[in-house]
Amino acid sequence: MKKLLPLLLSDKRMSTLKLLFLALIIQTLQPAMANEKAPAEKGAKQELCKKTMKLKGAPNLMESVAHMRAIIIWSENVSKKYNGDYAQWHNAQNKSVKCKKSPGSAYYYCDLTATPCLSKTTENSSP
């Protein structure tokens, strides 16, 4: 990761795309700790999955960036609503991301639907 960061930030023309890509990498590799709620009471089991969340991502000229931003927004929303344990995209089920251009525009936007779920390790570590 230390070698990757200078390469990503070396070219200023693509810095926004690179930063979004880096944010997505960090989001998927590290557990989301922001806005984490209090741990469940002893003996109480956490639900494996929560209610499916749908959203429309932010528009962008590049479809790949619109796709990444939609996932980041989903993860942030899940983290705020539940906690960081559910906010990991790779643990979500029933994932669907559909991107298309806005009518009469050069911008792409993505509709995203996914069910936030705990990872198997988080589920097994519950009391």
Protein backbone atom coordinates (compact mmCIF):
# COMPACT_ATOMS: atom_id res chain seq x y z
CA MET A 1 0.00 0.00 0.00
CA LYS A 2 2.93 2.36 0.76
CA LYS A 3 4.25 1.95 -2.80
CA LEU A 4 0.79 2.35 -4.33
CA LEU A 5 -0.06 5.70 -2.71
CA PRO A 6 2.74 7.81 -4.34
CA LEU A 7 1.90 6.30 -7.74
CA LEU A 8 -1.76 7.16 -7.36
CA LEU A 9 -1.06 10.73 -6.33
CA SER A 10 1.81 11.51 -8.74
CA ASP A 11 -0.29 12.62 -11.73
CA LYS A 12 -2.42 15.67 -10.88
CA ARG A 13 -4.64 15.32 -13.96
CA MET A 14 -6.26 12.17 -12.61
CA SER A 15 -6.07 12.98 -8.91
CA THR A 16 -9.85 13.01 -8.34
CA LEU A 17 -10.34 9.61 -9.95
CA LYS A 18 -7.32 8.22 -8.13
CA LEU A 19 -8.53 9.52 -4.78
CA LEU A 20 -11.97 7.99 -5.34
CA PHE A 21 -10.33 4.70 -6.28
CA LEU A 22 -8.11 4.87 -3.19
CA ALA A 23 -11.14 5.64 -1.00
CA LEU A 24 -12.93 2.60 -2.41
CA ILE A 25 -9.90 0.39 -1.74
CA ILE A 26 -9.61 1.64 1.83
CA GLN A 27 -13.37 1.26 2.37
CA THR A 28 -13.33 -2.37 1.30
CA LEU A 29 -10.09 -3.38 3.01
CA GLN A 30 -10.71 -1.83 6.43
CA PRO A 31 -13.77 -2.19 8.64
CA ALA A 32 -15.79 1.01 8.74
CA MET A 33 -15.33 2.47 12.20
CA ALA A 34 -17.04 5.84 11.75
CA ASN A 35 -20.38 6.32 13.46
CA GLU A 36 -20.15 2.93 15.13
CA LYS A 37 -22.98 2.37 17.55
CA ALA A 38 -22.63 0.87 21.01
CA PRO A 39 -21.96 -2.87 21.02
CA ALA A 40 -24.92 -5.17 21.49
CA GLU A 41 -25.77 -6.20 25.03
CA LYS A 42 -24.28 -9.46 26.26
CA GLY A 43 -26.35 -12.39 25.17
CA ALA A 44 -28.16 -10.39 22.46
CA LYS A 45 -27.57 -11.65 18.94
CA GLN A 46 -27.12 -9.25 16.05
CA GLU A 47 -29.16 -9.81 12.92
CA LEU A 48 -27.13 -11.37 10.13
CA CYS A 49 -28.65 -8.99 7.53
CA LYS A 50 -30.65 -5.78 7.68
CA LYS A 51 -33.30 -4.29 5.41
CA THR A 52 -32.31 -3.82 1.74
CA MET A 53 -31.21 -0.27 0.94
CA LYS A 54 -31.74 1.45 -2.40
CA LEU A 55 -30.19 4.69 -3.59
CA LYS A 56 -29.33 6.76 -6.63
CA GLY A 57 -25.65 7.66 -6.71
CA ALA A 58 -24.07 10.98 -7.61
CA PRO A 59 -23.66 11.76 -11.32
CA ASN A 60 -20.26 11.68 -13.00
CA LEU A 61 -18.86 11.91 -16.53
CA MET A 62 -17.16 8.54 -16.09
CA GLU A 63 -19.35 5.49 -15.52
CA SER A 64 -16.71 3.75 -13.40
CA VAL A 65 -16.45 6.73 -11.04
CA ALA A 66 -20.25 6.98 -10.76
CA HIS A 67 -20.27 3.25 -9.91
CA MET A 68 -17.58 3.62 -7.20
CA ARG A 69 -19.26 6.69 -5.71
CA ALA A 70 -22.60 4.89 -5.46
CA ILE A 71 -20.95 2.08 -3.47
CA ILE A 72 -19.18 4.58 -1.19
CA ILE A 73 -22.45 6.45 -0.57
CA TRP A 74 -24.24 3.16 0.18
CA SER A 75 -21.53 2.19 2.66
CA GLU A 76 -21.71 5.58 4.40
CA ASN A 77 -25.52 5.39 4.63
CA VAL A 78 -25.41 1.85 6.06
CA SER A 79 -22.76 2.89 8.58
CA LYS A 80 -24.92 5.81 9.75
CA LYS A 81 -28.12 3.75 9.95
CA TYR A 82 -26.71 0.58 11.56
CA ASN A 83 -22.96 0.47 12.19
CA GLY A 84 -19.70 -0.17 10.40
CA ASP A 85 -20.04 -3.95 10.76
CA TYR A 86 -22.82 -3.89 8.16
CA ALA A 87 -21.23 -1.27 5.86
CA GLN A 88 -18.81 -3.52 3.99
CA TRP A 89 -19.81 -3.87 0.33
CA HIS A 90 -18.16 -7.28 -0.02
CA ASN A 91 -20.45 -8.66 2.74
CA ALA A 92 -23.67 -7.31 1.19
CA GLN A 93 -26.15 -9.66 -0.44
CA ASN A 94 -28.50 -9.22 -3.40
CA LYS A 95 -26.21 -6.53 -4.84
CA SER A 96 -27.29 -4.69 -7.96
CA VAL A 97 -25.67 -1.62 -9.50
CA LYS A 98 -27.18 -0.35 -12.74
CA CYS A 99 -25.53 2.67 -14.36
CA LYS A 100 -26.85 4.70 -17.27
CA LYS A 101 -26.57 8.15 -18.76
CA SER A 102 -29.02 10.80 -17.68
CA PRO A 103 -31.37 11.67 -20.57
CA GLY A 104 -29.95 14.57 -22.61
CA SER A 105 -26.76 14.65 -20.52
CA ALA A 106 -23.19 13.37 -20.67
CA TYR A 107 -23.38 12.30 -17.01
CA TYR A 108 -23.80 8.76 -15.72
CA TYR A 109 -25.68 7.89 -12.57
CA CYS A 110 -26.07 4.54 -10.88
CA ASP A 111 -29.05 2.99 -9.12
CA LEU A 112 -27.84 0.71 -6.37
CA THR A 113 -29.67 -1.91 -4.32
CA ALA A 114 -28.03 -4.13 -1.70
CA THR A 115 -28.79 -5.87 1.58
CA PRO A 116 -26.26 -4.97 4.31
CA CYS A 117 -24.98 -8.05 6.13
CA LEU A 118 -22.44 -8.92 8.79
CA SER A 119 -19.32 -10.79 7.80
CA LYS A 120 -19.11 -14.39 8.92
CA THR A 121 -16.27 -13.50 11.34
CA THR A 122 -18.34 -10.70 12.94
CA GLU A 123 -21.31 -13.05 13.27
CA ASN A 124 -19.18 -15.76 14.89
CA SER A 125 -17.55 -13.35 17.34
CA SER A 126 -20.91 -12.21 18.78
CA PRO A 127 -21.53 -13.44 22.34
